[in-house]
Amino acid sequence: MPRKVQSPRAEVPASIKSRLTVIAAGTVFSGDLDSSDPVEVYGTLEGDARVRGRFMVAEPGRVFGNVDAQTIVVAGQVNAGLLSADRIELRATARVTARLRGRAVAIAEGAVFDGDMEGGGPQA
């Protein structure tokens, strides 16, 4: 009898499971996004995002628009005029074309970044 194999999944803390917004792989969201809770993009976002929590573009997620968030983590692709956050992290698989505005910016070896950076955080 064949064994059923489950793929590993990242665990989301129970306290935020019901409040997490996910744009799933294969999904295209066109329009601006405004959220007070964490957002994860595995599909495509075509529009600007304002998130008062963590905004993550997972691999193979894509974002075509500006992002203003508390924290931005990119492992996928972003084409934007501006990414603005207290902390911005570009992981090794990130492909980003944008201006980065953040108090702390981390760019992993292997990430592709085309743009410029300025200090400071998101505008109030």
PDB file of N, CA and C in Angstrom:
ATOM      1  N   MET A   1       0.850  -1.170   0.000  1.00  0.00           N
ATOM      2  CA  MET A   1       0.000   0.000   0.000  1.00  0.00           C
ATOM      3  C   MET A   1       0.904   1.245   0.000  1.00  0.00           C
ATOM      4  N   PRO A   2       0.692   2.197  -0.945  1.00  0.00           N
ATOM      5  CA  PRO A   2       1.525   3.396  -0.999  1.00  0.00           C
ATOM      6  C   PRO A   2       1.297   4.281   0.234  1.00  0.00           C
ATOM      7  N   ARG A   3       2.392   4.857   0.693  1.00  0.00           N
ATOM      8  CA  ARG A   3       2.303   5.774   1.829  1.00  0.00           C
ATOM      9  C   ARG A   3       1.987   7.171   1.336  1.00  0.00           C
ATOM     10  N   LYS A   4       1.152   7.836   2.054  1.00  0.00           N
ATOM     11  CA  LYS A   4       0.832   9.219   1.735  1.00  0.00           C
ATOM     12  C   LYS A   4       1.933  10.106   2.322  1.00  0.00           C
ATOM     13  N   VAL A   5       2.562  10.903   1.462  1.00  0.00           N
ATOM     14  CA  VAL A   5       3.644  11.776   1.896  1.00  0.00           C
ATOM     15  C   VAL A   5       3.127  13.203   1.922  1.00  0.00           C
ATOM     16  N   GLN A   6       3.308  13.847   3.051  1.00  0.00           N
ATOM     17  CA  GLN A   6       2.886  15.238   3.173  1.00  0.00           C
ATOM     18  C   GLN A   6       4.098  16.134   3.011  1.00  0.00           C
ATOM     19  N   SER A   7       3.911  17.202   2.243  1.00  0.00           N
ATOM     20  CA  SER A   7       5.015  18.147   2.079  1.00  0.00           C
ATOM     21  C   SER A   7       5.101  19.016   3.329  1.00  0.00           C
ATOM     22  N   PRO A   8       6.318  19.399   3.709  1.00  0.00           N
ATOM     23  CA  PRO A   8       6.463  20.241   4.902  1.00  0.00           C
ATOM     24  C   PRO A   8       5.873  21.622   4.658  1.00  0.00           C
ATOM     25  N   ARG A   9       5.223  22.155   5.674  1.00  0.00           N
ATOM     26  CA  ARG A   9       4.628  23.485   5.581  1.00  0.00           C
ATOM     27  C   ARG A   9       5.122  24.330   6.734  1.00  0.00           C
ATOM     28  N   ALA A  10       5.341  25.579   6.439  1.00  0.00           N
ATOM     29  CA  ALA A  10       5.739  26.494   7.503  1.00  0.00           C
ATOM     30  C   ALA A  10       4.556  26.688   8.441  1.00  0.00           C
ATOM     31  N   GLU A  11       4.810  26.602   9.712  1.00  0.00           N
ATOM     32  CA  GLU A  11       3.757  26.785  10.707  1.00  0.00           C
ATOM     33  C   GLU A  11       3.534  28.268  10.968  1.00  0.00           C
ATOM     34  N   VAL A  12       2.299  28.662  10.917  1.00  0.00           N
ATOM     35  CA  VAL A  12       1.912  30.028  11.242  1.00  0.00           C
ATOM     36  C   VAL A  12       1.439  30.011  12.690  1.00  0.00           C
ATOM     37  N   PRO A  13       1.960  30.903  13.528  1.00  0.00           N
ATOM     38  CA  PRO A  13       1.512  30.927  14.918  1.00  0.00           C
ATOM     39  C   PRO A  13      -0.005  31.033  15.005  1.00  0.00           C
ATOM     40  N   ALA A  14      -0.593  30.291  15.936  1.00  0.00           N
ATOM     41  CA  ALA A  14      -2.050  30.248  16.085  1.00  0.00           C
ATOM     42  C   ALA A  14      -2.646  31.632  16.301  1.00  0.00           C
ATOM     43  N   SER A  15      -1.889  32.511  16.951  1.00  0.00           N
ATOM     44  CA  SER A  15      -2.416  33.836  17.256  1.00  0.00           C
ATOM     45  C   SER A  15      -2.660  34.688  16.013  1.00  0.00           C
ATOM     46  N   ILE A  16      -2.021  34.347  14.878  1.00  0.00           N
ATOM     47  CA  ILE A  16      -2.241  35.154  13.672  1.00  0.00           C
ATOM     48  C   ILE A  16      -2.856  34.365  12.524  1.00  0.00           C
ATOM     49  N   LYS A  17      -3.114  33.081  12.704  1.00  0.00           N
ATOM     50  CA  LYS A  17      -3.671  32.279  11.604  1.00  0.00           C
ATOM     51  C   LYS A  17      -4.917  32.905  11.002  1.00  0.00           C
ATOM     52  N   SER A  18      -5.809  33.375  11.828  1.00  0.00           N
ATOM     53  CA  SER A  18      -7.065  33.907  11.306  1.00  0.00           C
ATOM     54  C   SER A  18      -6.915  35.312  10.750  1.00  0.00           C
ATOM     55  N   ARG A  19      -5.772  35.959  10.974  1.00  0.00           N
ATOM     56  CA  ARG A  19      -5.596  37.332  10.517  1.00  0.00           C
ATOM     57  C   ARG A  19      -4.594  37.462   9.387  1.00  0.00           C
ATOM     58  N   LEU A  20      -4.002  36.402   8.938  1.00  0.00           N
ATOM     59  CA  LEU A  20      -2.989  36.435   7.887  1.00  0.00           C
ATOM     60  C   LEU A  20      -3.662  36.505   6.517  1.00  0.00           C
ATOM     61  N   THR A  21      -3.243  37.471   5.688  1.00  0.00           N
ATOM     62  CA  THR A  21      -3.742  37.562   4.320  1.00  0.00           C
ATOM     63  C   THR A  21      -2.720  36.916   3.401  1.00  0.00           C
ATOM     64  N   VAL A  22      -3.171  35.965   2.583  1.00  0.00           N
ATOM     65  CA  VAL A  22      -2.285  35.252   1.670  1.00  0.00           C
ATOM     66  C   VAL A  22      -2.791  35.415   0.249  1.00  0.00           C
ATOM     67  N   ILE A  23      -1.895  35.828  -0.643  1.00  0.00           N
ATOM     68  CA  ILE A  23      -2.183  35.802  -2.080  1.00  0.00           C
ATOM     69  C   ILE A  23      -1.495  34.535  -2.583  1.00  0.00           C
ATOM     70  N   ALA A  24      -2.274  33.525  -2.858  1.00  0.00           N
ATOM     71  CA  ALA A  24      -1.759  32.189  -3.143  1.00  0.00           C
ATOM     72  C   ALA A  24      -1.107  32.099  -4.520  1.00  0.00           C
ATOM     73  N   ALA A  25      -0.216  31.116  -4.656  1.00  0.00           N
ATOM     74  CA  ALA A  25       0.406  30.833  -5.956  1.00  0.00           C
ATOM     75  C   ALA A  25      -0.691  30.600  -6.977  1.00  0.00           C
ATOM     76  N   GLY A  26      -0.524  31.159  -8.169  1.00  0.00           N
ATOM     77  CA  GLY A  26      -1.530  31.023  -9.214  1.00  0.00           C
ATOM     78  C   GLY A  26      -2.609  32.091  -9.160  1.00  0.00           C
ATOM     79  N   THR A  27      -2.585  32.931  -8.123  1.00  0.00           N
ATOM     80  CA  THR A  27      -3.571  33.994  -7.961  1.00  0.00           C
ATOM     81  C   THR A  27      -2.963  35.335  -8.368  1.00  0.00           C
ATOM     82  N   VAL A  28      -3.730  36.132  -9.119  1.00  0.00           N
ATOM     83  CA  VAL A  28      -3.317  37.492  -9.472  1.00  0.00           C
ATOM     84  C   VAL A  28      -4.304  38.440  -8.812  1.00  0.00           C
ATOM     85  N   PHE A  29      -3.798  39.305  -7.935  1.00  0.00           N
ATOM     86  CA  PHE A  29      -4.609  40.322  -7.277  1.00  0.00           C
ATOM     87  C   PHE A  29      -4.261  41.647  -7.918  1.00  0.00           C
ATOM     88  N   SER A  30      -5.235  42.288  -8.570  1.00  0.00           N
ATOM     89  CA  SER A  30      -5.022  43.587  -9.212  1.00  0.00           C
ATOM     90  C   SER A  30      -5.762  44.647  -8.425  1.00  0.00           C
ATOM     91  N   GLY A  31      -5.019  45.627  -7.936  1.00  0.00           N
ATOM     92  CA  GLY A  31      -5.609  46.694  -7.144  1.00  0.00           C
ATOM     93  C   GLY A  31      -4.748  46.966  -5.933  1.00  0.00           C
ATOM     94  N   ASP A  32      -5.069  48.028  -5.214  1.00  0.00           N
ATOM     95  CA  ASP A  32      -4.301  48.395  -4.029  1.00  0.00           C
ATOM     96  C   ASP A  32      -4.765  47.575  -2.835  1.00  0.00           C
ATOM     97  N   LEU A  33      -3.806  47.267  -1.973  1.00  0.00           N
ATOM     98  CA  LEU A  33      -4.054  46.433  -0.793  1.00  0.00           C
ATOM     99  C   LEU A  33      -3.734  47.240   0.449  1.00  0.00           C
ATOM    100  N   ASP A  34      -4.655  47.269   1.409  1.00  0.00           N
ATOM    101  CA  ASP A  34      -4.455  47.963   2.675  1.00  0.00           C
ATOM    102  C   ASP A  34      -4.813  46.994   3.787  1.00  0.00           C
ATOM    103  N   SER A  35      -3.835  46.691   4.674  1.00  0.00           N
ATOM    104  CA  SER A  35      -4.075  45.702   5.718  1.00  0.00           C
ATOM    105  C   SER A  35      -3.383  46.096   7.009  1.00  0.00           C
ATOM    106  N   SER A  36      -4.043  45.825   8.123  1.00  0.00           N
ATOM    107  CA  SER A  36      -3.421  46.045   9.428  1.00  0.00           C
ATOM    108  C   SER A  36      -2.781  44.762   9.935  1.00  0.00           C
ATOM    109  N   ASP A  37      -2.907  43.688   9.188  1.00  0.00           N
ATOM    110  CA  ASP A  37      -2.373  42.379   9.576  1.00  0.00           C
ATOM    111  C   ASP A  37      -1.317  41.918   8.578  1.00  0.00           C
ATOM    112  N   PRO A  38      -0.550  40.879   8.915  1.00  0.00           N
ATOM    113  CA  PRO A  38       0.506  40.383   8.024  1.00  0.00           C
ATOM    114  C   PRO A  38      -0.035  39.940   6.661  1.00  0.00           C
ATOM    115  N   VAL A  39       0.800  40.124   5.630  1.00  0.00           N
ATOM    116  CA  VAL A  39       0.451  39.727   4.268  1.00  0.00           C
ATOM    117  C   VAL A  39       1.598  38.902   3.699  1.00  0.00           C
ATOM    118  N   GLU A  40       1.250  37.783   3.044  1.00  0.00           N
ATOM    119  CA  GLU A  40       2.237  36.957   2.350  1.00  0.00           C
ATOM    120  C   GLU A  40       1.799  36.786   0.905  1.00  0.00           C
ATOM    121  N   VAL A  41       2.742  37.023  -0.021  1.00  0.00           N
ATOM    122  CA  VAL A  41       2.435  36.940  -1.449  1.00  0.00           C
ATOM    123  C   VAL A  41       3.204  35.766  -2.051  1.00  0.00           C
ATOM    124  N   TYR A  42       2.462  34.778  -2.521  1.00  0.00           N
ATOM    125  CA  TYR A  42       3.024  33.626  -3.238  1.00  0.00           C
ATOM    126  C   TYR A  42       2.647  33.691  -4.711  1.00  0.00           C
ATOM    127  N   GLY A  43       1.614  34.470  -5.017  1.00  0.00           N
ATOM    128  CA  GLY A  43       1.151  34.684  -6.381  1.00  0.00           C
ATOM    129  C   GLY A  43       1.638  36.029  -6.882  1.00  0.00           C
ATOM    130  N   THR A  44       0.721  36.831  -7.452  1.00  0.00           N
ATOM    131  CA  THR A  44       1.080  38.124  -8.032  1.00  0.00           C
ATOM    132  C   THR A  44       0.180  39.217  -7.490  1.00  0.00           C
ATOM    133  N   LEU A  45       0.809  40.321  -7.051  1.00  0.00           N
ATOM    134  CA  LEU A  45       0.095  41.518  -6.645  1.00  0.00           C
ATOM    135  C   LEU A  45       0.434  42.608  -7.640  1.00  0.00           C
ATOM    136  N   GLU A  46      -0.596  43.138  -8.318  1.00  0.00           N
ATOM    137  CA  GLU A  46      -0.424  44.239  -9.261  1.00  0.00           C
ATOM    138  C   GLU A  46      -1.097  45.467  -8.669  1.00  0.00           C
ATOM    139  N   GLY A  47      -0.340  46.228  -7.888  1.00  0.00           N
ATOM    140  CA  GLY A  47      -0.882  47.405  -7.220  1.00  0.00           C
ATOM    141  C   GLY A  47      -0.049  47.712  -5.990  1.00  0.00           C
ATOM    142  N   ASP A  48      -0.359  48.818  -5.352  1.00  0.00           N
ATOM    143  CA  ASP A  48       0.382  49.244  -4.171  1.00  0.00           C
ATOM    144  C   ASP A  48      -0.154  48.549  -2.923  1.00  0.00           C
ATOM    145  N   ALA A  49       0.731  48.387  -1.924  1.00  0.00           N
ATOM    146  CA  ALA A  49       0.337  47.759  -0.664  1.00  0.00           C
ATOM    147  C   ALA A  49       0.746  48.642   0.504  1.00  0.00           C
ATOM    148  N   ARG A  50      -0.179  48.818   1.433  1.00  0.00           N
ATOM    149  CA  ARG A  50       0.107  49.492   2.701  1.00  0.00           C
ATOM    150  C   ARG A  50      -0.277  48.500   3.794  1.00  0.00           C
ATOM    151  N   VAL A  51       0.747  48.063   4.533  1.00  0.00           N
ATOM    152  CA  VAL A  51       0.546  47.011   5.533  1.00  0.00           C
ATOM    153  C   VAL A  51       1.146  47.486   6.848  1.00  0.00           C
ATOM    154  N   ARG A  52       0.339  47.483   7.897  1.00  0.00           N
ATOM    155  CA  ARG A  52       0.834  47.937   9.187  1.00  0.00           C
ATOM    156  C   ARG A  52       1.448  46.792   9.982  1.00  0.00           C
ATOM    157  N   GLY A  53       1.821  45.737   9.296  1.00  0.00           N
ATOM    158  CA  GLY A  53       2.514  44.597   9.881  1.00  0.00           C
ATOM    159  C   GLY A  53       3.611  44.147   8.937  1.00  0.00           C
ATOM    160  N   ARG A  54       3.821  42.840   8.881  1.00  0.00           N
ATOM    161  CA  ARG A  54       4.880  42.243   8.046  1.00  0.00           C
ATOM    162  C   ARG A  54       4.339  41.957   6.645  1.00  0.00           C
ATOM    163  N   PHE A  55       5.093  42.353   5.634  1.00  0.00           N
ATOM    164  CA  PHE A  55       4.744  42.078   4.240  1.00  0.00           C
ATOM    165  C   PHE A  55       5.839  41.194   3.665  1.00  0.00           C
ATOM    166  N   MET A  56       5.465  40.006   3.213  1.00  0.00           N
ATOM    167  CA  MET A  56       6.460  39.070   2.692  1.00  0.00           C
ATOM    168  C   MET A  56       6.116  38.664   1.265  1.00  0.00           C
ATOM    169  N   VAL A  57       7.123  38.745   0.390  1.00  0.00           N
ATOM    170  CA  VAL A  57       6.992  38.243  -0.971  1.00  0.00           C
ATOM    171  C   VAL A  57       7.818  36.962  -1.014  1.00  0.00           C
ATOM    172  N   ALA A  58       7.124  35.830  -0.988  1.00  0.00           N
ATOM    173  CA  ALA A  58       7.800  34.533  -0.973  1.00  0.00           C
ATOM    174  C   ALA A  58       8.227  34.172  -2.386  1.00  0.00           C
ATOM    175  N   GLU A  59       9.121  33.214  -2.488  1.00  0.00           N
ATOM    176  CA  GLU A  59       9.487  32.685  -3.796  1.00  0.00           C
ATOM    177  C   GLU A  59       8.379  31.714  -4.189  1.00  0.00           C
ATOM    178  N   PRO A  60       7.702  31.822  -5.288  1.00  0.00           N
ATOM    179  CA  PRO A  60       7.935  32.608  -6.492  1.00  0.00           C
ATOM    180  C   PRO A  60       7.028  33.825  -6.623  1.00  0.00           C
ATOM    181  N   GLY A  61       6.636  34.459  -5.525  1.00  0.00           N
ATOM    182  CA  GLY A  61       5.731  35.602  -5.564  1.00  0.00           C
ATOM    183  C   GLY A  61       6.289  36.776  -6.343  1.00  0.00           C
ATOM    184  N   ARG A  62       5.361  37.606  -6.852  1.00  0.00           N
ATOM    185  CA  ARG A  62       5.750  38.789  -7.632  1.00  0.00           C
ATOM    186  C   ARG A  62       4.873  39.966  -7.217  1.00  0.00           C
ATOM    187  N   VAL A  63       5.495  41.133  -7.093  1.00  0.00           N
ATOM    188  CA  VAL A  63       4.765  42.357  -6.765  1.00  0.00           C
ATOM    189  C   VAL A  63       5.179  43.437  -7.759  1.00  0.00           C
ATOM    190  N   PHE A  64       4.169  44.079  -8.334  1.00  0.00           N
ATOM    191  CA  PHE A  64       4.383  45.185  -9.258  1.00  0.00           C
ATOM    192  C   PHE A  64       3.661  46.399  -8.675  1.00  0.00           C
ATOM    193  N   GLY A  65       4.334  47.088  -7.758  1.00  0.00           N
ATOM    194  CA  GLY A  65       3.738  48.241  -7.099  1.00  0.00           C
ATOM    195  C   GLY A  65       4.536  48.616  -5.867  1.00  0.00           C
ATOM    196  N   ASN A  66       4.251  49.784  -5.321  1.00  0.00           N
ATOM    197  CA  ASN A  66       4.943  50.282  -4.140  1.00  0.00           C
ATOM    198  C   ASN A  66       4.451  49.557  -2.891  1.00  0.00           C
ATOM    199  N   VAL A  67       5.344  49.439  -1.896  1.00  0.00           N
ATOM    200  CA  VAL A  67       4.977  48.783  -0.642  1.00  0.00           C
ATOM    201  C   VAL A  67       5.431  49.652   0.520  1.00  0.00           C
ATOM    202  N   ASP A  68       4.512  49.899   1.449  1.00  0.00           N
ATOM    203  CA  ASP A  68       4.789  50.605   2.693  1.00  0.00           C
ATOM    204  C   ASP A  68       4.324  49.680   3.811  1.00  0.00           C
ATOM    205  N   ALA A  69       5.271  49.217   4.643  1.00  0.00           N
ATOM    206  CA  ALA A  69       4.934  48.262   5.693  1.00  0.00           C
ATOM    207  C   ALA A  69       5.838  48.452   6.893  1.00  0.00           C
ATOM    208  N   GLN A  70       5.520  47.772   7.974  1.00  0.00           N
ATOM    209  CA  GLN A  70       6.382  47.809   9.150  1.00  0.00           C
ATOM    210  C   GLN A  70       7.677  47.058   8.856  1.00  0.00           C
ATOM    211  N   THR A  71       7.548  45.861   8.274  1.00  0.00           N
ATOM    212  CA  THR A  71       8.685  45.034   7.878  1.00  0.00           C
ATOM    213  C   THR A  71       8.400  44.481   6.496  1.00  0.00           C
ATOM    214  N   ILE A  72       9.416  44.478   5.617  1.00  0.00           N
ATOM    215  CA  ILE A  72       9.282  43.888   4.284  1.00  0.00           C
ATOM    216  C   ILE A  72      10.354  42.826   4.130  1.00  0.00           C
ATOM    217  N   VAL A  73       9.923  41.618   3.733  1.00  0.00           N
ATOM    218  CA  VAL A  73      10.843  40.509   3.452  1.00  0.00           C
ATOM    219  C   VAL A  73      10.577  40.071   2.019  1.00  0.00           C
ATOM    220  N   VAL A  74      11.636  40.019   1.196  1.00  0.00           N
ATOM    221  CA  VAL A  74      11.467  39.636  -0.207  1.00  0.00           C
ATOM    222  C   VAL A  74      12.342  38.434  -0.524  1.00  0.00           C
ATOM    223  N   ALA A  75      11.706  37.366  -1.002  1.00  0.00           N
ATOM    224  CA  ALA A  75      12.415  36.204  -1.525  1.00  0.00           C
ATOM    225  C   ALA A  75      12.042  35.988  -2.984  1.00  0.00           C
ATOM    226  N   GLY A  76      11.035  36.729  -3.457  1.00  0.00           N
ATOM    227  CA  GLY A  76      10.566  36.633  -4.835  1.00  0.00           C
ATOM    228  C   GLY A  76      10.996  37.849  -5.642  1.00  0.00           C
ATOM    229  N   GLN A  77      10.078  38.346  -6.489  1.00  0.00           N
ATOM    230  CA  GLN A  77      10.386  39.447  -7.404  1.00  0.00           C
ATOM    231  C   GLN A  77       9.538  40.667  -7.075  1.00  0.00           C
ATOM    232  N   VAL A  78      10.180  41.841  -7.038  1.00  0.00           N
ATOM    233  CA  VAL A  78       9.458  43.092  -6.818  1.00  0.00           C
ATOM    234  C   VAL A  78       9.953  44.131  -7.809  1.00  0.00           C
ATOM    235  N   ASN A  79       9.017  44.764  -8.518  1.00  0.00           N
ATOM    236  CA  ASN A  79       9.300  45.918  -9.380  1.00  0.00           C
ATOM    237  C   ASN A  79       8.457  47.057  -8.829  1.00  0.00           C
ATOM    238  N   ALA A  80       9.118  48.051  -8.228  1.00  0.00           N
ATOM    239  CA  ALA A  80       8.383  49.122  -7.562  1.00  0.00           C
ATOM    240  C   ALA A  80       9.152  50.426  -7.672  1.00  0.00           C
ATOM    241  N   GLY A  81       8.438  51.498  -7.433  1.00  0.00           N
ATOM    242  CA  GLY A  81       9.103  52.779  -7.299  1.00  0.00           C
ATOM    243  C   GLY A  81       9.737  52.884  -5.927  1.00  0.00           C
ATOM    244  N   LEU A  82       9.018  52.401  -4.879  1.00  0.00           N
ATOM    245  CA  LEU A  82       9.492  52.562  -3.508  1.00  0.00           C
ATOM    246  C   LEU A  82       9.048  51.408  -2.618  1.00  0.00           C
ATOM    247  N   LEU A  83      10.005  50.871  -1.855  1.00  0.00           N
ATOM    248  CA  LEU A  83       9.715  49.957  -0.750  1.00  0.00           C
ATOM    249  C   LEU A  83      10.110  50.704   0.510  1.00  0.00           C
ATOM    250  N   SER A  84       9.173  50.919   1.421  1.00  0.00           N
ATOM    251  CA  SER A  84       9.426  51.703   2.621  1.00  0.00           C
ATOM    252  C   SER A  84       8.992  50.927   3.853  1.00  0.00           C
ATOM    253  N   ALA A  85       9.935  50.763   4.817  1.00  0.00           N
ATOM    254  CA  ALA A  85       9.640  50.020   6.044  1.00  0.00           C
ATOM    255  C   ALA A  85      10.698  50.319   7.093  1.00  0.00           C
ATOM    256  N   ASP A  86      10.405  49.971   8.340  1.00  0.00           N
ATOM    257  CA  ASP A  86      11.422  50.071   9.383  1.00  0.00           C
ATOM    258  C   ASP A  86      12.562  49.113   9.074  1.00  0.00           C
ATOM    259  N   ARG A  87      12.218  47.896   8.623  1.00  0.00           N
ATOM    260  CA  ARG A  87      13.227  46.884   8.286  1.00  0.00           C
ATOM    261  C   ARG A  87      12.883  46.262   6.932  1.00  0.00           C
ATOM    262  N   ILE A  88      13.894  46.183   6.056  1.00  0.00           N
ATOM    263  CA  ILE A  88      13.738  45.555   4.747  1.00  0.00           C
ATOM    264  C   ILE A  88      14.795  44.471   4.627  1.00  0.00           C
ATOM    265  N   GLU A  89      14.348  43.280   4.254  1.00  0.00           N
ATOM    266  CA  GLU A  89      15.261  42.139   4.084  1.00  0.00           C
ATOM    267  C   GLU A  89      15.086  41.555   2.691  1.00  0.00           C
ATOM    268  N   LEU A  90      16.182  41.514   1.923  1.00  0.00           N
ATOM    269  CA  LEU A  90      16.173  40.870   0.615  1.00  0.00           C
ATOM    270  C   LEU A  90      16.919  39.549   0.765  1.00  0.00           C
ATOM    271  N   ARG A  91      16.205  38.453   0.609  1.00  0.00           N
ATOM    272  CA  ARG A  91      16.816  37.138   0.743  1.00  0.00           C
ATOM    273  C   ARG A  91      17.565  36.762  -0.527  1.00  0.00           C
ATOM    274  N   ALA A  92      18.319  35.679  -0.492  1.00  0.00           N
ATOM    275  CA  ALA A  92      19.209  35.292  -1.590  1.00  0.00           C
ATOM    276  C   ALA A  92      18.487  35.124  -2.926  1.00  0.00           C
ATOM    277  N   THR A  93      17.215  34.748  -2.913  1.00  0.00           N
ATOM    278  CA  THR A  93      16.468  34.521  -4.154  1.00  0.00           C
ATOM    279  C   THR A  93      15.722  35.768  -4.636  1.00  0.00           C
ATOM    280  N   ALA A  94      15.864  36.877  -3.920  1.00  0.00           N
ATOM    281  CA  ALA A  94      15.138  38.110  -4.260  1.00  0.00           C
ATOM    282  C   ALA A  94      15.644  38.729  -5.555  1.00  0.00           C
ATOM    283  N   ARG A  95      14.712  39.309  -6.315  1.00  0.00           N
ATOM    284  CA  ARG A  95      14.994  40.081  -7.521  1.00  0.00           C
ATOM    285  C   ARG A  95      14.201  41.370  -7.380  1.00  0.00           C
ATOM    286  N   VAL A  96      14.885  42.471  -7.061  1.00  0.00           N
ATOM    287  CA  VAL A  96      14.191  43.713  -6.713  1.00  0.00           C
ATOM    288  C   VAL A  96      14.692  44.881  -7.550  1.00  0.00           C
ATOM    289  N   THR A  97      13.743  45.612  -8.141  1.00  0.00           N
ATOM    290  CA  THR A  97      14.020  46.875  -8.813  1.00  0.00           C
ATOM    291  C   THR A  97      13.169  47.917  -8.100  1.00  0.00           C
ATOM    292  N   ALA A  98      13.822  48.768  -7.305  1.00  0.00           N
ATOM    293  CA  ALA A  98      13.077  49.751  -6.509  1.00  0.00           C
ATOM    294  C   ALA A  98      14.035  50.649  -5.747  1.00  0.00           C
ATOM    295  N   ARG A  99      13.481  51.707  -5.193  1.00  0.00           N
ATOM    296  CA  ARG A  99      14.187  52.519  -4.200  1.00  0.00           C
ATOM    297  C   ARG A  99      13.798  51.935  -2.837  1.00  0.00           C
ATOM    298  N   LEU A 100      14.785  51.722  -1.980  1.00  0.00           N
ATOM    299  CA  LEU A 100      14.538  51.195  -0.641  1.00  0.00           C
ATOM    300  C   LEU A 100      14.664  52.316   0.369  1.00  0.00           C
ATOM    301  N   ARG A 101      13.660  52.474   1.226  1.00  0.00           N
ATOM    302  CA  ARG A 101      13.727  53.442   2.319  1.00  0.00           C
ATOM    303  C   ARG A 101      13.463  52.672   3.607  1.00  0.00           C
ATOM    304  N   GLY A 102      14.509  52.565   4.454  1.00  0.00           N
ATOM    305  CA  GLY A 102      14.332  51.837   5.696  1.00  0.00           C
ATOM    306  C   GLY A 102      15.383  52.185   6.715  1.00  0.00           C
ATOM    307  N   ARG A 103      15.051  51.962   7.976  1.00  0.00           N
ATOM    308  CA  ARG A 103      16.026  52.186   9.052  1.00  0.00           C
ATOM    309  C   ARG A 103      17.091  51.104   9.032  1.00  0.00           C
ATOM    310  N   ALA A 104      16.678  49.882   8.689  1.00  0.00           N
ATOM    311  CA  ALA A 104      17.615  48.752   8.606  1.00  0.00           C
ATOM    312  C   ALA A 104      17.334  48.014   7.299  1.00  0.00           C
ATOM    313  N   VAL A 105      18.377  47.802   6.508  1.00  0.00           N
ATOM    314  CA  VAL A 105      18.244  47.089   5.241  1.00  0.00           C
ATOM    315  C   VAL A 105      19.281  45.973   5.215  1.00  0.00           C
ATOM    316  N   ALA A 106      18.833  44.752   4.935  1.00  0.00           N
ATOM    317  CA  ALA A 106      19.737  43.601   4.832  1.00  0.00           C
ATOM    318  C   ALA A 106      19.565  42.976   3.455  1.00  0.00           C
ATOM    319  N   ILE A 107      20.681  42.817   2.744  1.00  0.00           N
ATOM    320  CA  ILE A 107      20.649  42.215   1.411  1.00  0.00           C
ATOM    321  C   ILE A 107      21.544  40.987   1.438  1.00  0.00           C
ATOM    322  N   ALA A 108      20.941  39.813   1.252  1.00  0.00           N
ATOM    323  CA  ALA A 108      21.693  38.559   1.297  1.00  0.00           C
ATOM    324  C   ALA A 108      22.528  38.368   0.040  1.00  0.00           C
ATOM    325  N   GLU A 109      23.622  37.652   0.192  1.00  0.00           N
ATOM    326  CA  GLU A 109      24.437  37.299  -0.965  1.00  0.00           C
ATOM    327  C   GLU A 109      23.586  36.496  -1.934  1.00  0.00           C
ATOM    328  N   GLY A 110      23.643  36.861  -3.206  1.00  0.00           N
ATOM    329  CA  GLY A 110      22.850  36.186  -4.229  1.00  0.00           C
ATOM    330  C   GLY A 110      21.627  36.975  -4.650  1.00  0.00           C
ATOM    331  N   ALA A 111      21.161  37.895  -3.788  1.00  0.00           N
ATOM    332  CA  ALA A 111      20.012  38.731  -4.140  1.00  0.00           C
ATOM    333  C   ALA A 111      20.410  39.674  -5.262  1.00  0.00           C
ATOM    334  N   VAL A 112      19.452  39.979  -6.147  1.00  0.00           N
ATOM    335  CA  VAL A 112      19.691  40.936  -7.225  1.00  0.00           C
ATOM    336  C   VAL A 112      18.892  42.189  -6.892  1.00  0.00           C
ATOM    337  N   PHE A 113      19.603  43.316  -6.762  1.00  0.00           N
ATOM    338  CA  PHE A 113      18.989  44.588  -6.403  1.00  0.00           C
ATOM    339  C   PHE A 113      19.414  45.649  -7.400  1.00  0.00           C
ATOM    340  N   ASP A 114      18.425  46.295  -8.017  1.00  0.00           N
ATOM    341  CA  ASP A 114      18.681  47.389  -8.963  1.00  0.00           C
ATOM    342  C   ASP A 114      17.890  48.598  -8.455  1.00  0.00           C
ATOM    343  N   GLY A 115      18.589  49.556  -7.883  1.00  0.00           N
ATOM    344  CA  GLY A 115      17.914  50.726  -7.354  1.00  0.00           C
ATOM    345  C   GLY A 115      18.829  51.483  -6.432  1.00  0.00           C
ATOM    346  N   ASP A 116      18.241  52.276  -5.551  1.00  0.00           N
ATOM    347  CA  ASP A 116      19.046  52.988  -4.573  1.00  0.00           C
ATOM    348  C   ASP A 116      18.381  52.890  -3.205  1.00  0.00           C
ATOM    349  N   MET A 117      19.137  53.326  -2.183  1.00  0.00           N
ATOM    350  CA  MET A 117      18.666  53.213  -0.820  1.00  0.00           C
ATOM    351  C   MET A 117      18.761  54.579  -0.139  1.00  0.00           C
ATOM    352  N   GLU A 118      17.848  54.797   0.793  1.00  0.00           N
ATOM    353  CA  GLU A 118      17.938  55.979   1.622  1.00  0.00           C
ATOM    354  C   GLU A 118      17.586  55.591   3.054  1.00  0.00           C
ATOM    355  N   GLY A 119      18.202  56.274   4.006  1.00  0.00           N
ATOM    356  CA  GLY A 119      17.950  55.988   5.410  1.00  0.00           C
ATOM    357  C   GLY A 119      16.602  56.506   5.845  1.00  0.00           C
ATOM    358  N   GLY A 120      16.218  56.135   7.029  1.00  0.00           N
ATOM    359  CA  GLY A 120      14.925  56.547   7.571  1.00  0.00           C
ATOM    360  C   GLY A 120      13.929  55.415   7.414  1.00  0.00           C
ATOM    361  N   GLY A 121      12.763  55.603   7.931  1.00  0.00           N
ATOM    362  CA  GLY A 121      11.720  54.574   7.871  1.00  0.00           C
ATOM    363  C   GLY A 121      10.545  55.067   7.085  1.00  0.00           C
ATOM    364  N   PRO A 122       9.440  54.362   7.191  1.00  0.00           N
ATOM    365  CA  PRO A 122       8.252  54.792   6.472  1.00  0.00           C
ATOM    366  C   PRO A 122       7.766  56.140   6.969  1.00  0.00           C
ATOM    367  N   GLN A 123       7.161  56.885   6.109  1.00  0.00           N
ATOM    368  CA  GLN A 123       6.621  58.182   6.518  1.00  0.00           C
ATOM    369  C   GLN A 123       5.341  57.977   7.290  1.00  0.00           C
ATOM    370  N   ALA A 124       5.143  58.775   8.316  1.00  0.00           N
ATOM    371  CA  ALA A 124       3.948  58.640   9.165  1.00  0.00           C
ATOM    372  C   ALA A 124       2.725  59.185   8.461  1.00  0.00           C
TER     373      ALA A 124
END
